[in-house]
Amino acid sequence: MAAWQENSACKSRHRQLLLGIALTILAPSGWTKPALWYWWASQQTEHRVCAQSSPGAAWFRDSTAFTDSTCSIRAKPF
């Protein structure tokens, strides 16, 4: 067999190995859950906002977690 053919087979095996390693590392990220939603209350006014992260420094988390953007479906604990 010619030298370039042997190198080609070796390169192919290396590519397959690297692809397998990449898929093994990246696969669990497909099983993650989306971020939860919370009611955030303003410390300065009476306003409340349903959001996944804090709207700013003057806001505090007011409730338990929800699974939807309207904060109507409570998240189930583990």
Protein backbone atom coordinates (compact mmCIF):
# COMPACT_ATOMS: atom_id res chain seq x y z
CA MET A 1 0.00 0.00 0.00
CA ALA A 2 1.27 3.44 -0.81
CA ALA A 3 2.45 5.75 1.98
CA TRP A 4 -0.23 8.38 1.25
CA GLN A 5 -2.95 5.74 1.57
CA GLU A 6 -1.67 4.62 4.98
CA ASN A 7 -1.57 8.21 6.19
CA SER A 8 -5.07 8.77 4.84
CA ALA A 9 -6.43 5.80 6.82
CA CYS A 10 -4.68 7.04 9.94
CA LYS A 11 -6.11 10.53 9.48
CA SER A 12 -9.56 9.06 9.03
CA ARG A 13 -9.27 7.11 12.30
CA HIS A 14 -8.06 10.22 14.11
CA ARG A 15 -11.00 12.24 12.76
CA GLN A 16 -13.44 9.56 13.92
CA LEU A 17 -11.82 9.48 17.35
CA LEU A 18 -11.96 13.28 17.69
CA LEU A 19 -15.60 13.32 16.56
CA GLY A 20 -16.46 10.64 19.12
CA ILE A 21 -14.75 12.57 21.90
CA ALA A 22 -16.50 15.82 20.90
CA LEU A 23 -19.91 14.14 20.83
CA THR A 24 -19.29 12.54 24.21
CA ILE A 25 -18.41 15.89 25.75
CA LEU A 26 -21.21 17.90 24.10
CA ALA A 27 -24.05 15.35 24.35
CA PRO A 28 -25.07 16.10 27.98
CA SER A 29 -25.71 19.74 27.11
CA GLY A 30 -28.71 18.58 25.07
CA TRP A 31 -30.36 17.22 28.22
CA THR A 32 -30.31 20.44 30.22
CA LYS A 33 -33.50 22.18 31.25
CA PRO A 34 -34.33 25.79 30.38
CA ALA A 35 -33.82 28.46 33.00
CA LEU A 36 -36.61 28.98 35.52
CA TRP A 37 -38.74 32.12 35.82
CA TYR A 38 -39.29 34.15 39.00
CA TRP A 39 -41.36 37.08 40.17
CA TRP A 40 -39.08 40.06 40.76
CA ALA A 41 -40.36 42.93 42.94
CA SER A 42 -39.05 46.47 42.88
CA GLN A 43 -37.66 47.83 46.14
CA GLN A 44 -38.67 51.38 45.15
CA THR A 45 -42.16 50.90 43.69
CA GLU A 46 -45.01 48.38 43.78
CA HIS A 47 -44.09 46.87 40.40
CA ARG A 48 -43.51 43.15 39.87
CA VAL A 49 -41.98 41.50 36.80
CA CYS A 50 -41.76 37.86 35.75
CA ALA A 51 -38.23 37.24 34.44
CA GLN A 52 -35.46 34.64 34.39
CA SER A 53 -32.82 37.00 35.77
CA SER A 54 -32.84 40.13 37.88
CA PRO A 55 -33.97 43.28 36.04
CA GLY A 56 -31.49 45.34 38.04
CA ALA A 57 -29.96 46.19 41.38
CA ALA A 58 -33.17 47.62 42.87
CA TRP A 59 -35.11 44.35 42.41
CA PHE A 60 -35.40 41.28 44.64
CA ARG A 61 -36.71 37.79 43.92
CA ASP A 62 -40.21 37.58 45.34
CA SER A 63 -41.31 33.96 44.90
CA THR A 64 -40.57 30.37 44.08
CA ALA A 65 -39.62 29.17 40.61
CA PHE A 66 -41.97 28.89 37.64
CA THR A 67 -41.57 27.07 34.31
CA ASP A 68 -43.33 29.57 32.03
CA SER A 69 -42.87 33.22 31.13
CA THR A 70 -46.18 34.26 32.73
CA CYS A 71 -45.14 32.85 36.14
CA SER A 72 -48.27 30.73 36.38
CA ILE A 73 -46.93 27.13 36.40
CA ARG A 74 -44.84 26.35 39.46
CA ALA A 75 -41.67 24.33 38.92
CA LYS A 76 -41.65 20.89 40.49
CA PRO A 77 -38.85 20.33 43.02
CA PHE A 78 -36.31 17.61 42.34
